[in-house]
Amino acid sequence: MTDSSGATAIADLAKLPGPGGDRLGGLYGRVEKINSGVATEAAGEFRTAATSAGDRGRAVRDAVEGVRGKWQGEAADAFIGYMDRYTKAGDDVRDALLEAATSMDGVAECLRELKESVDKALSDAYTEAKGIDEQAKRDIAAAEEARRSNPDAGPDPAAIRAEADRKIKEVRDGVEKKVEQLLEQAEAELTKLMGGIKVDLDGDGFCGIQPPGGGTEPAAVSHVGSEGRAAPTVSGGGGGGGGGGGGGAPGGGGAVGGLGPSGGPPSSGPPPGNVEQWIREAIRILQANGVPVTEADIQKIWTIIEKESGGNPHAINLWDSNAAKGIPSKGLMQCIDPTFQAHKLPGHDDIYNPVDNIIAGVRYTFSRYGGFDGHPGLKSMAAGGGYQGY
C-alpha cells in the first residue's frame, strides 16, 4: 500500500477475501473531507477581531480621557459614565473573541486528531487483515503440497481459508466499531468546544447600557458568532455578524463620528414580520423596478443579512472606519447613509425599515458587483472561505 490514507486502506481492505466492512465507506465519508485548516484560520480571524476590538476600545478610552476635566456638570458625568461602560463592554467583547479563538484552536486540534486516528485505525486494520490473508495463503500452499503425496495429510485447505476469512471479518468489524467510537468521542468534544464559540454577552456586553440620563430603551443582546465579529445591535435584539467589532449606542450616543443624517435607530421595536417575509416583499418591489432577482436569491440575501446584522433591522455599527467618519452602517444589510440614499427606491426612504434597507443593499450589490455572484462575502464563502463585508 503506497498511500496510508483511510480511503486507500478501505479500498485495499475491501479487496481481501471474506465478508464485513460494508459500513466503512459511509463512516469514513464523515471524516474524509475534514479540513482542520479552516478552523485554524477562523481562530486567527477571532484573534484579529479581538485585537481590533481592543484597539477601538482604547481609542474610545483615550477620547473619554480627553473629555475628563474639560467638561463639568451633571451632563458631563452622565456622558462619561456612559462611555466608561462602553469601554468595559468593549473589553468584554475582546475577551469573548479571545475565548472563541481558543475554542476554535481546540476544534482544529480535535479535527486533526480525529482524521489521524481514523486513518491510523484503518491502516492498522488493513495491515492486520493482509497479514492474516498472506499467512492463510502460505498455509494453504503447504497443505496442498502435503496432500499431493498423501491426500489425507495435513489440514483441509478449505478450512484454512474459512478460518482466515472469519478472522478478517473480525478485523473489519472491529475497525468499524473503532471508527464509530472515534467519531462519537470527537462529536462530544466538538459540542463542548463549540459552546465557547457563540457567547451571549449578557450584562457584561453592550446590552444593558442605558443612554446618558438613565433612559429605559430596551437593550439588545450582542452575540459573538461564528464569523468572529461582534455586530452592535440596538433597540430590538439582533445577532452577530457584520461589519465591525464593537457595539451600538441607543439614541444619540456614539463612538467617534456621530450617527449620520438618518440618526440613530428608532426606540420602538422592529416592524411586523420576519426576515424571510421582508426579503420576499423586497424582491417583489425590486422585480417591479427591473432588478433581476428571484425567489432563488432568498437564501443569498438571507446569508448577507445574517452575517451583517444577525437579522436586526435596527442594528448600527458604531466602531468601524465608517462610524469614525460619522456614517455608521445601519439596518439589516448594514448600509451607510450615502449608499442607502444612492440606491434606495422612491417611497422607500427609511434606512431602518427592513424592506427599504434590503432594496438599497441589493441594488448596491448589483451596481457595484454585478449581482450576488460578485458579492465579496458570498464569493468567499462559495470558495470555502469566511464571510467578507461588502
Protein backbone atom coordinates (compact mmCIF):
# COMPACT_ATOMS: atom_id res chain seq x y z
CA MET A 1 0.00 0.00 0.00
CA THR A 2 1.68 3.21 -1.15
CA ASP A 3 -0.79 5.64 0.49
CA SER A 4 -1.63 5.49 4.20
CA SER A 5 -4.87 7.45 3.92
CA GLY A 6 -8.05 5.93 5.28
CA ALA A 7 -9.71 5.86 1.86
CA THR A 8 -6.86 3.81 0.41
CA ALA A 9 -6.91 1.47 3.40
CA ILE A 10 -10.65 0.88 2.97
CA ALA A 11 -10.21 0.14 -0.74
CA ASP A 12 -7.36 -2.29 -0.08
CA LEU A 13 -9.22 -3.93 2.80
CA ALA A 14 -12.21 -4.50 0.51
CA LYS A 15 -10.01 -6.40 -1.96
CA LEU A 16 -9.19 -9.06 0.62
CA PRO A 17 -11.35 -12.21 0.78
CA GLY A 18 -14.24 -12.58 3.18
CA PRO A 19 -17.27 -10.57 4.32
CA GLY A 20 -17.58 -7.50 6.57
CA GLY A 21 -16.64 -3.84 6.41
CA ASP A 22 -19.72 -2.76 4.47
CA ARG A 23 -20.20 0.39 6.57
CA LEU A 24 -16.63 1.64 6.49
CA GLY A 25 -17.09 3.78 3.40
CA GLY A 26 -20.06 5.62 4.88
CA LEU A 27 -18.32 6.14 8.20
CA TYR A 28 -15.18 7.42 6.56
CA GLY A 29 -17.22 9.81 4.44
CA ARG A 30 -17.82 11.78 7.64
CA VAL A 31 -14.07 12.13 8.13
CA GLU A 32 -12.57 12.29 4.65
CA LYS A 33 -13.38 15.93 3.92
CA ILE A 34 -12.26 17.28 7.28
CA ASN A 35 -10.10 20.38 6.84
CA SER A 36 -8.77 21.50 10.20
CA GLY A 37 -7.07 24.43 8.47
CA VAL A 38 -10.44 26.16 8.18
CA ALA A 39 -10.82 26.09 11.96
CA THR A 40 -7.26 27.33 12.41
CA GLU A 41 -7.98 30.19 10.02
CA ALA A 42 -11.17 31.03 11.91
CA ALA A 43 -9.23 31.13 15.19
CA GLY A 44 -6.89 33.65 13.59
CA GLU A 45 -9.87 35.73 12.46
CA PHE A 46 -11.25 35.72 16.01
CA ARG A 47 -7.89 36.94 17.33
CA THR A 48 -7.70 39.65 14.67
CA ALA A 49 -11.20 40.79 15.61
CA ALA A 50 -10.24 40.76 19.30
CA THR A 51 -7.19 42.91 18.58
CA SER A 52 -9.34 45.29 16.57
CA ALA A 53 -11.92 45.49 19.36
CA GLY A 54 -9.15 46.17 21.85
CA ASP A 55 -7.66 48.92 19.68
CA ARG A 56 -11.03 50.59 19.23
CA GLY A 57 -11.76 50.29 22.92
CA ARG A 58 -8.50 52.06 23.69
CA ALA A 59 -9.35 54.78 21.16
CA VAL A 60 -12.68 55.40 22.88
CA ARG A 61 -10.99 55.31 26.28
CA ASP A 62 -8.46 57.90 25.12
CA ALA A 63 -11.23 60.09 23.74
CA VAL A 64 -13.13 59.92 27.04
CA GLU A 65 -9.98 60.74 28.97
CA GLY A 66 -9.65 63.84 26.81
CA VAL A 67 -13.09 64.95 27.98
CA ARG A 68 -12.49 64.41 31.69
CA GLY A 69 -11.62 67.64 33.40
CA LYS A 70 -12.65 69.75 30.43
CA TRP A 71 -16.39 69.30 30.77
CA GLN A 72 -18.04 69.61 34.17
CA GLY A 73 -21.52 69.12 35.49
CA GLU A 74 -24.25 66.52 35.69
CA ALA A 75 -24.50 66.02 31.93
CA ALA A 76 -20.74 65.54 31.68
CA ASP A 77 -20.78 62.98 34.49
CA ALA A 78 -23.63 61.10 32.81
CA PHE A 79 -21.87 61.05 29.44
CA ILE A 80 -18.50 59.99 30.84
CA GLY A 81 -20.13 57.25 32.92
CA TYR A 82 -21.98 56.07 29.83
CA MET A 83 -18.81 55.92 27.73
CA ASP A 84 -16.92 54.21 30.55
CA ARG A 85 -19.48 51.43 30.36
CA TYR A 86 -18.80 51.22 26.64
CA THR A 87 -15.08 50.75 27.13
CA LYS A 88 -15.85 47.99 29.65
CA ALA A 89 -18.24 46.39 27.16
CA GLY A 90 -15.51 46.58 24.51
CA ASP A 91 -13.18 44.72 26.85
CA ASP A 92 -15.86 42.07 27.33
CA VAL A 93 -16.22 41.67 23.56
CA ARG A 94 -12.45 41.37 23.16
CA ASP A 95 -12.27 38.73 25.90
CA ALA A 96 -15.18 36.80 24.38
CA LEU A 97 -13.48 36.81 20.99
CA LEU A 98 -10.25 35.54 22.53
CA GLU A 99 -12.19 32.75 24.26
CA ALA A 100 -13.78 31.89 20.94
CA ALA A 101 -10.34 31.80 19.31
CA THR A 102 -9.09 29.40 21.97
CA SER A 103 -12.14 27.20 21.46
CA MET A 104 -11.60 27.22 17.70
CA ASP A 105 -7.98 26.18 18.22
CA GLY A 106 -9.38 23.24 20.16
CA VAL A 107 -11.77 22.45 17.31
CA ALA A 108 -8.88 22.43 14.84
CA GLU A 109 -6.82 20.11 17.06
CA CYS A 110 -9.80 17.81 17.63
CA LEU A 111 -10.41 17.54 13.88
CA ARG A 112 -6.73 16.86 13.18
CA GLU A 113 -6.60 14.15 15.83
CA LEU A 114 -9.83 12.56 14.58
CA LYS A 115 -8.57 12.36 10.99
CA GLU A 116 -5.18 10.99 12.08
CA SER A 117 -6.71 8.45 14.48
CA VAL A 118 -9.23 7.15 11.94
CA ASP A 119 -6.61 6.92 9.20
CA LYS A 120 -4.27 5.03 11.54
CA ALA A 121 -7.01 2.65 12.69
CA LEU A 122 -7.90 1.81 9.08
CA SER A 123 -4.27 1.43 8.04
CA ASP A 124 -3.57 -0.86 11.02
CA ALA A 125 -6.67 -2.91 10.23
CA TYR A 126 -5.56 -3.40 6.64
CA THR A 127 -2.07 -4.41 7.74
CA GLU A 128 -3.51 -6.96 10.19
CA ALA A 129 -6.02 -8.38 7.70
CA LYS A 130 -3.41 -8.57 4.96
CA GLY A 131 -1.13 -10.50 7.31
CA ILE A 132 -3.92 -12.98 8.04
CA ASP A 133 -4.61 -13.45 4.33
CA GLU A 134 -0.96 -13.92 3.41
CA GLN A 135 -0.42 -16.44 6.22
CA ALA A 136 -3.50 -18.34 5.07
CA LYS A 137 -2.15 -18.47 1.51
CA ARG A 138 1.14 -19.91 2.77
CA ASP A 139 -0.66 -22.47 4.95
CA ILE A 140 -2.94 -23.47 2.07
CA ALA A 141 0.03 -23.89 -0.27
CA ALA A 142 1.80 -26.08 2.30
CA ALA A 143 -1.35 -28.16 2.89
CA GLU A 144 -1.89 -28.68 -0.84
CA GLU A 145 1.75 -29.68 -1.29
CA ALA A 146 1.47 -32.22 1.53
CA ARG A 147 -1.72 -33.67 0.07
CA ARG A 148 -0.12 -34.24 -3.29
CA SER A 149 1.90 -37.07 -1.76
CA ASN A 150 -0.74 -38.04 0.82
CA PRO A 151 -4.33 -36.96 0.22
CA ASP A 152 -5.18 -37.38 3.91
CA ALA A 153 -2.18 -35.45 5.24
CA GLY A 154 -2.37 -32.02 6.90
CA PRO A 155 -5.30 -29.64 7.40
CA ASP A 156 -8.03 -29.06 4.83
CA PRO A 157 -7.14 -26.04 2.62
CA ALA A 158 -10.81 -25.00 2.53
CA ALA A 159 -10.91 -24.98 6.32
CA ILE A 160 -7.78 -22.82 6.42
CA ARG A 161 -9.41 -20.33 4.03
CA ALA A 162 -12.66 -20.27 6.01
CA GLU A 163 -10.81 -19.62 9.27
CA ALA A 164 -8.79 -16.82 7.68
CA ASP A 165 -11.95 -15.22 6.29
CA ARG A 166 -13.54 -15.38 9.76
CA LYS A 167 -10.53 -13.59 11.27
CA ILE A 168 -10.51 -10.96 8.51
CA LYS A 169 -14.21 -10.31 9.16
CA GLU A 170 -13.39 -9.80 12.84
CA VAL A 171 -10.79 -7.22 11.84
CA ARG A 172 -13.26 -5.41 9.57
CA ASP A 173 -16.00 -5.44 12.22
CA GLY A 174 -13.52 -4.28 14.82
CA VAL A 175 -12.30 -1.30 12.84
CA GLU A 176 -15.90 -0.30 12.06
CA LYS A 177 -16.58 -0.19 15.79
CA LYS A 178 -13.33 1.70 16.40
CA VAL A 179 -14.16 4.37 13.81
CA GLU A 180 -17.65 4.76 15.29
CA GLN A 181 -16.16 5.25 18.75
CA LEU A 182 -13.68 7.83 17.47
CA LEU A 183 -16.49 9.75 15.75
CA GLU A 184 -18.64 9.71 18.89
CA GLN A 185 -15.75 10.92 21.05
CA ALA A 186 -14.92 13.70 18.60
CA GLU A 187 -18.54 14.81 18.34
CA ALA A 188 -18.81 15.05 22.12
CA GLU A 189 -15.60 17.07 22.31
CA LEU A 190 -16.63 19.34 19.43
CA THR A 191 -20.01 20.00 21.06
CA LYS A 192 -18.20 21.04 24.22
CA LEU A 193 -15.76 23.27 22.33
CA MET A 194 -18.46 24.91 20.22
CA GLY A 195 -20.03 26.16 23.43
CA GLY A 196 -17.16 28.64 23.62
CA ILE A 197 -17.65 29.96 20.11
CA LYS A 198 -21.05 31.58 20.45
CA VAL A 199 -21.07 33.76 23.52
CA ASP A 200 -24.04 35.80 24.69
CA LEU A 201 -22.68 38.95 26.30
CA ASP A 202 -25.49 39.48 28.77
CA GLY A 203 -24.91 42.12 31.47
CA ASP A 204 -21.21 42.41 30.66
CA GLY A 205 -21.55 43.25 26.99
CA PHE A 206 -23.22 46.09 25.14
CA CYS A 207 -26.68 45.05 26.25
CA GLY A 208 -28.00 46.79 29.32
CA ILE A 209 -26.12 50.04 28.64
CA GLN A 210 -28.65 52.84 29.00
CA PRO A 211 -28.18 56.23 27.39
CA PRO A 212 -26.94 59.16 29.47
CA GLY A 213 -29.61 60.24 31.89
CA GLY A 214 -30.84 56.73 32.63
CA GLY A 215 -33.10 56.15 29.65
CA THR A 216 -35.04 52.92 29.53
CA GLU A 217 -34.82 51.81 25.92
CA PRO A 218 -34.90 48.05 25.62
CA ALA A 219 -31.36 46.75 25.39
CA ALA A 220 -30.17 44.42 22.68
CA VAL A 221 -28.01 41.38 23.16
CA SER A 222 -24.76 41.43 21.26
CA HIS A 223 -23.75 37.98 20.07
CA VAL A 224 -20.26 36.94 19.18
CA GLY A 225 -20.98 34.49 16.41
CA SER A 226 -19.29 32.08 14.13
CA GLU A 227 -17.80 34.70 11.80
CA GLY A 228 -15.71 36.11 14.60
CA ARG A 229 -17.31 39.57 14.59
CA ALA A 230 -19.48 41.30 17.15
CA ALA A 231 -22.13 43.31 15.40
CA PRO A 232 -23.50 46.08 17.60
CA THR A 233 -27.27 45.96 17.73
CA VAL A 234 -29.65 48.49 19.16
CA SER A 235 -33.32 48.52 20.09
CA GLY A 236 -34.63 45.06 19.34
CA GLY A 237 -32.10 42.27 19.68
CA GLY A 238 -30.42 41.11 16.59
CA GLY A 239 -27.38 39.00 16.26
CA GLY A 240 -23.78 38.62 15.40
CA GLY A 241 -22.11 39.01 12.06
CA GLY A 242 -21.43 42.06 10.11
CA GLY A 243 -19.25 45.00 9.86
CA GLY A 244 -17.20 45.51 12.96
CA GLY A 245 -16.00 44.52 16.35
CA GLY A 246 -17.76 46.92 18.63
CA GLY A 247 -21.15 47.97 19.89
CA GLY A 248 -24.02 50.26 19.18
CA ALA A 249 -25.48 53.10 21.20
CA PRO A 250 -29.17 53.78 21.59
CA GLY A 251 -30.45 57.16 20.54
CA GLY A 252 -27.89 59.88 20.04
CA GLY A 253 -24.85 58.32 21.68
CA GLY A 254 -21.92 57.32 19.54
CA ALA A 255 -18.32 56.27 19.48
CA VAL A 256 -16.45 58.87 17.49
CA GLY A 257 -18.10 60.45 14.48
CA GLY A 258 -21.85 60.76 15.15
CA LEU A 259 -24.80 58.88 13.75
CA GLY A 260 -25.13 60.33 10.24
CA PRO A 261 -28.06 62.07 8.53
CA SER A 262 -30.62 59.38 9.33
CA GLY A 263 -29.74 59.41 13.02
CA GLY A 264 -29.96 56.55 15.45
CA PRO A 265 -32.40 53.65 15.32
CA PRO A 266 -35.99 54.15 16.44
CA SER A 267 -36.83 53.40 20.04
CA SER A 268 -39.79 51.24 19.02
CA GLY A 269 -39.45 47.54 18.33
CA PRO A 270 -38.90 46.12 14.84
CA PRO A 271 -41.78 46.25 12.35
CA PRO A 272 -44.12 43.26 11.93
CA GLY A 273 -42.90 40.23 10.03
CA ASN A 274 -39.74 38.21 9.86
CA VAL A 275 -36.62 38.26 7.72
CA GLU A 276 -37.97 35.93 5.05
CA GLN A 277 -41.16 37.98 4.70
CA TRP A 278 -39.13 41.18 4.40
CA ILE A 279 -36.90 39.61 1.76
CA ARG A 280 -39.88 38.38 -0.28
CA GLU A 281 -41.51 41.81 -0.17
CA ALA A 282 -38.24 43.49 -1.21
CA ILE A 283 -37.83 41.03 -4.10
CA ARG A 284 -41.35 41.82 -5.32
CA ILE A 285 -40.57 45.55 -5.33
CA LEU A 286 -37.14 45.07 -6.91
CA GLN A 287 -38.61 42.94 -9.71
CA ALA A 288 -41.19 45.63 -10.40
CA ASN A 289 -38.31 48.07 -10.79
CA GLY A 290 -36.29 45.94 -13.20
CA VAL A 291 -33.79 44.36 -10.83
CA PRO A 292 -33.22 40.71 -11.91
CA VAL A 293 -33.80 38.99 -8.58
CA THR A 294 -35.98 35.93 -7.95
CA GLU A 295 -37.05 33.76 -5.05
CA ALA A 296 -34.00 31.63 -5.82
CA ASP A 297 -31.97 34.52 -4.36
CA ILE A 298 -33.71 34.46 -0.97
CA GLN A 299 -31.00 32.35 0.66
CA LYS A 300 -28.25 34.61 -0.71
CA ILE A 301 -29.90 37.74 0.66
CA TRP A 302 -30.59 36.00 3.96
CA THR A 303 -26.93 34.98 4.24
CA ILE A 304 -25.81 38.59 3.77
CA ILE A 305 -28.32 39.76 6.37
CA GLU A 306 -27.32 37.05 8.83
CA LYS A 307 -23.64 37.95 8.56
CA GLU A 308 -24.13 41.72 8.52
CA SER A 309 -26.81 42.32 11.17
CA GLY A 310 -27.98 38.99 12.52
CA GLY A 311 -31.47 39.87 11.26
CA ASN A 312 -31.86 43.01 13.39
CA PRO A 313 -33.32 45.88 11.31
CA HIS A 314 -32.18 48.38 13.96
CA ALA A 315 -28.54 47.24 14.03
CA ILE A 316 -25.96 50.03 13.91
CA ASN A 317 -22.17 49.69 13.85
CA LEU A 318 -20.50 52.48 15.81
CA TRP A 319 -16.95 51.18 15.82
CA ASP A 320 -15.51 50.86 12.33
CA SER A 321 -13.93 53.39 9.97
CA ASN A 322 -17.32 54.42 8.60
CA ALA A 323 -18.52 55.20 12.11
CA ALA A 324 -15.41 57.29 12.69
CA LYS A 325 -16.41 59.33 9.62
CA GLY A 326 -19.90 59.87 11.04
CA ILE A 327 -21.66 57.50 8.62
CA PRO A 328 -22.07 54.22 10.56
CA SER A 329 -23.51 51.15 8.86
CA LYS A 330 -27.19 50.63 9.63
CA GLY A 331 -30.04 48.21 9.25
CA LEU A 332 -30.44 44.66 8.00
CA MET A 333 -27.82 44.89 5.26
CA GLN A 334 -25.65 47.45 7.09
CA CYS A 335 -25.85 50.29 4.56
CA ILE A 336 -24.15 53.61 5.25
CA ASP A 337 -26.32 56.68 4.65
CA PRO A 338 -24.69 57.76 1.33
CA THR A 339 -25.01 54.26 -0.12
CA PHE A 340 -28.60 53.98 1.04
CA GLN A 341 -29.51 57.36 -0.44
CA ALA A 342 -27.84 56.47 -3.75
CA HIS A 343 -29.58 53.11 -4.15
CA LYS A 344 -32.96 53.42 -2.45
CA LEU A 345 -36.16 53.45 -4.50
CA PRO A 346 -38.71 56.27 -4.38
CA GLY A 347 -41.05 55.83 -1.45
CA HIS A 348 -38.60 53.55 0.36
CA ASP A 349 -36.67 56.16 2.29
CA ASP A 350 -36.22 54.66 5.78
CA ILE A 351 -32.83 53.03 6.31
CA TYR A 352 -34.17 51.25 9.41
CA ASN A 353 -37.16 49.84 7.54
CA PRO A 354 -36.11 46.25 6.71
CA VAL A 355 -37.68 46.19 3.24
CA ASP A 356 -36.23 49.59 2.30
CA ASN A 357 -32.79 48.55 3.56
CA ILE A 358 -32.85 45.28 1.59
CA ILE A 359 -33.86 47.15 -1.56
CA ALA A 360 -30.92 49.54 -1.26
CA GLY A 361 -28.47 46.81 -0.28
CA VAL A 362 -29.43 44.58 -3.21
CA ARG A 363 -29.34 47.44 -5.71
CA TYR A 364 -25.90 48.41 -4.41
CA THR A 365 -24.74 44.79 -4.79
CA PHE A 366 -25.87 44.72 -8.42
CA SER A 367 -24.47 48.19 -9.11
CA ARG A 368 -21.02 47.53 -7.68
CA TYR A 369 -20.54 43.77 -8.08
CA GLY A 370 -22.86 42.88 -10.95
CA GLY A 371 -25.01 40.63 -8.77
CA PHE A 372 -24.75 38.16 -5.92
CA ASP A 373 -22.03 36.07 -7.58
CA GLY A 374 -19.67 39.02 -7.28
CA HIS A 375 -20.60 39.90 -3.69
CA PRO A 376 -17.29 39.51 -1.77
CA GLY A 377 -18.87 37.74 1.19
CA LEU A 378 -20.85 35.22 -0.84
CA LYS A 379 -17.95 34.75 -3.26
CA SER A 380 -15.54 34.00 -0.41
CA MET A 381 -17.94 31.54 1.24
CA ALA A 382 -18.55 29.77 -2.08
CA ALA A 383 -14.80 29.20 -2.31
CA GLY A 384 -14.70 27.73 1.19
CA GLY A 385 -13.57 30.89 2.98
CA GLY A 386 -15.17 33.08 5.59
CA TYR A 387 -17.65 35.87 5.04
CA GLN A 388 -16.28 39.26 3.98
CA GLY A 389 -18.09 42.55 4.29
CA TYR A 390 -19.17 44.41 1.17
